[in-house]
Amino acid sequence: MNKDRIQGSVEQAKGKLKEVAGKATGDSKLETEGKAQKIAGKVQNTIGGMKDAVKEAVNP
């Protein structure tokens, strides 16, 4: 597991918290920010997964 995967997971968790807080308080802007942050975290996590796969393919 590399830095991108860890940071992506952290961003997903923070985004989920924002999304839930936005729903609970009726703050649609915060909810939208949370959803966007979750997506960004998923992308970063996916990039980290691809880096891991390439590293494993090069150095079996």
N, C-alpha and C. Protein backbone atom coordinates (compact mmCIF):
# COMPACT_ATOMS: atom_id res chain seq x y z
N MET A 1 0.85 -1.17 0.00
CA MET A 1 0.00 0.00 0.00
C MET A 1 0.90 1.23 0.00
N ASN A 2 0.58 2.18 -0.88
CA ASN A 2 1.42 3.37 -0.98
C ASN A 2 0.71 4.60 -0.44
N LYS A 3 1.44 5.71 -0.48
CA LYS A 3 0.95 6.97 0.07
C LYS A 3 -0.36 7.42 -0.58
N ASP A 4 -0.51 7.22 -1.89
CA ASP A 4 -1.73 7.63 -2.58
C ASP A 4 -2.95 6.87 -2.07
N ARG A 5 -2.79 5.60 -1.83
CA ARG A 5 -3.92 4.80 -1.35
C ARG A 5 -4.33 5.21 0.05
N ILE A 6 -3.35 5.48 0.90
CA ILE A 6 -3.65 5.90 2.28
C ILE A 6 -4.33 7.26 2.27
N GLN A 7 -3.76 8.22 1.55
CA GLN A 7 -4.34 9.56 1.50
C GLN A 7 -5.72 9.53 0.85
N GLY A 8 -5.90 8.69 -0.17
CA GLY A 8 -7.21 8.57 -0.80
C GLY A 8 -8.26 8.07 0.16
N SER A 9 -7.89 7.11 0.99
CA SER A 9 -8.83 6.57 1.98
C SER A 9 -9.18 7.63 3.02
N VAL A 10 -8.19 8.42 3.42
CA VAL A 10 -8.43 9.50 4.38
C VAL A 10 -9.40 10.53 3.78
N GLU A 11 -9.16 10.89 2.53
CA GLU A 11 -10.03 11.87 1.87
C GLU A 11 -11.46 11.35 1.73
N GLN A 12 -11.60 10.07 1.43
CA GLN A 12 -12.93 9.47 1.34
C GLN A 12 -13.66 9.57 2.68
N ALA A 13 -12.94 9.27 3.76
CA ALA A 13 -13.56 9.33 5.10
C ALA A 13 -13.96 10.76 5.46
N LYS A 14 -13.08 11.71 5.18
CA LYS A 14 -13.39 13.11 5.48
C LYS A 14 -14.58 13.58 4.64
N GLY A 15 -14.62 13.16 3.39
CA GLY A 15 -15.74 13.52 2.53
C GLY A 15 -17.05 12.95 3.03
N LYS A 16 -17.01 11.72 3.50
CA LYS A 16 -18.22 11.09 4.04
C LYS A 16 -18.73 11.85 5.26
N LEU A 17 -17.80 12.27 6.13
CA LEU A 17 -18.19 13.03 7.31
C LEU A 17 -18.84 14.36 6.91
N LYS A 18 -18.25 15.04 5.94
CA LYS A 18 -18.83 16.30 5.47
C LYS A 18 -20.22 16.07 4.87
N GLU A 19 -20.34 15.00 4.09
CA GLU A 19 -21.62 14.71 3.45
C GLU A 19 -22.70 14.46 4.49
N VAL A 20 -22.38 13.65 5.49
CA VAL A 20 -23.34 13.35 6.56
C VAL A 20 -23.69 14.60 7.35
N ALA A 21 -22.66 15.40 7.67
CA ALA A 21 -22.91 16.64 8.42
C ALA A 21 -23.79 17.59 7.60
N GLY A 22 -23.54 17.66 6.32
CA GLY A 22 -24.35 18.51 5.46
C GLY A 22 -25.79 18.06 5.40
N LYS A 23 -26.00 16.76 5.31
CA LYS A 23 -27.38 16.23 5.31
C LYS A 23 -28.06 16.51 6.64
N ALA A 24 -27.33 16.30 7.74
CA ALA A 24 -27.91 16.46 9.07
C ALA A 24 -28.29 17.92 9.35
N THR A 25 -27.51 18.84 8.84
CA THR A 25 -27.76 20.26 9.12
C THR A 25 -28.55 20.95 8.01
N GLY A 26 -28.79 20.24 6.92
CA GLY A 26 -29.51 20.84 5.81
C GLY A 26 -28.65 21.76 4.98
N ASP A 27 -27.33 21.63 5.11
CA ASP A 27 -26.38 22.46 4.37
C ASP A 27 -26.00 21.75 3.07
N SER A 28 -26.67 22.11 1.99
CA SER A 28 -26.45 21.41 0.73
C SER A 28 -25.05 21.67 0.18
N LYS A 29 -24.47 22.84 0.47
CA LYS A 29 -23.11 23.13 0.00
C LYS A 29 -22.11 22.19 0.67
N LEU A 30 -22.23 22.01 1.96
CA LEU A 30 -21.33 21.11 2.69
C LEU A 30 -21.51 19.67 2.22
N GLU A 31 -22.75 19.29 1.98
CA GLU A 31 -23.04 17.94 1.48
C GLU A 31 -22.39 17.72 0.11
N THR A 32 -22.50 18.71 -0.76
CA THR A 32 -21.91 18.61 -2.10
C THR A 32 -20.38 18.57 -2.01
N GLU A 33 -19.80 19.39 -1.14
CA GLU A 33 -18.35 19.37 -0.94
C GLU A 33 -17.90 17.98 -0.47
N GLY A 34 -18.66 17.39 0.43
CA GLY A 34 -18.34 16.06 0.93
C GLY A 34 -18.37 15.02 -0.17
N LYS A 35 -19.39 15.09 -1.01
CA LYS A 35 -19.48 14.14 -2.13
C LYS A 35 -18.29 14.29 -3.07
N ALA A 36 -17.93 15.53 -3.37
CA ALA A 36 -16.79 15.78 -4.26
C ALA A 36 -15.50 15.28 -3.63
N GLN A 37 -15.33 15.49 -2.34
CA GLN A 37 -14.12 15.04 -1.65
C GLN A 37 -14.05 13.51 -1.64
N LYS A 38 -15.19 12.85 -1.46
CA LYS A 38 -15.22 11.39 -1.52
C LYS A 38 -14.78 10.89 -2.89
N ILE A 39 -15.27 11.51 -3.94
CA ILE A 39 -14.91 11.11 -5.30
C ILE A 39 -13.41 11.33 -5.54
N ALA A 40 -12.90 12.47 -5.09
CA ALA A 40 -11.47 12.75 -5.25
C ALA A 40 -10.64 11.71 -4.51
N GLY A 41 -11.10 11.31 -3.34
CA GLY A 41 -10.40 10.28 -2.58
C GLY A 41 -10.41 8.94 -3.29
N LYS A 42 -11.54 8.61 -3.89
CA LYS A 42 -11.63 7.35 -4.64
C LYS A 42 -10.68 7.35 -5.82
N VAL A 43 -10.59 8.49 -6.52
CA VAL A 43 -9.68 8.60 -7.65
C VAL A 43 -8.24 8.43 -7.19
N GLN A 44 -7.88 9.12 -6.12
CA GLN A 44 -6.51 9.02 -5.60
C GLN A 44 -6.20 7.59 -5.16
N ASN A 45 -7.16 6.94 -4.53
CA ASN A 45 -6.98 5.55 -4.10
C ASN A 45 -6.79 4.64 -5.31
N THR A 46 -7.54 4.87 -6.37
CA THR A 46 -7.43 4.07 -7.59
C THR A 46 -6.06 4.26 -8.23
N ILE A 47 -5.60 5.51 -8.27
CA ILE A 47 -4.26 5.78 -8.82
C ILE A 47 -3.21 5.04 -8.01
N GLY A 48 -3.35 5.06 -6.70
CA GLY A 48 -2.41 4.33 -5.85
C GLY A 48 -2.45 2.84 -6.13
N GLY A 49 -3.63 2.31 -6.38
CA GLY A 49 -3.76 0.89 -6.71
C GLY A 49 -3.07 0.56 -8.02
N MET A 50 -3.20 1.45 -8.98
CA MET A 50 -2.54 1.22 -10.27
C MET A 50 -1.02 1.28 -10.11
N LYS A 51 -0.55 2.21 -9.30
CA LYS A 51 0.90 2.30 -9.05
C LYS A 51 1.40 1.01 -8.39
N ASP A 52 0.63 0.50 -7.43
CA ASP A 52 1.01 -0.76 -6.77
C ASP A 52 1.06 -1.90 -7.78
N ALA A 53 0.07 -1.95 -8.68
CA ALA A 53 0.02 -3.03 -9.67
C ALA A 53 1.22 -2.96 -10.62
N VAL A 54 1.58 -1.75 -11.03
CA VAL A 54 2.73 -1.59 -11.92
C VAL A 54 4.01 -2.00 -11.20
N LYS A 55 4.12 -1.57 -9.96
CA LYS A 55 5.31 -1.90 -9.16
C LYS A 55 5.45 -3.42 -9.00
N GLU A 56 4.33 -4.10 -8.75
CA GLU A 56 4.36 -5.55 -8.60
C GLU A 56 4.70 -6.25 -9.93
N ALA A 57 4.22 -5.69 -11.03
CA ALA A 57 4.48 -6.28 -12.33
C ALA A 57 5.96 -6.13 -12.72
N VAL A 58 6.55 -5.02 -12.33
CA VAL A 58 7.95 -4.76 -12.66
C VAL A 58 8.88 -5.54 -11.72
N ASN A 59 8.50 -5.62 -10.46
CA ASN A 59 9.32 -6.31 -9.45
C ASN A 59 8.52 -7.44 -8.80
N PRO A 60 8.37 -8.58 -9.50
CA PRO A 60 7.54 -9.65 -8.95
C PRO A 60 8.12 -10.31 -7.72
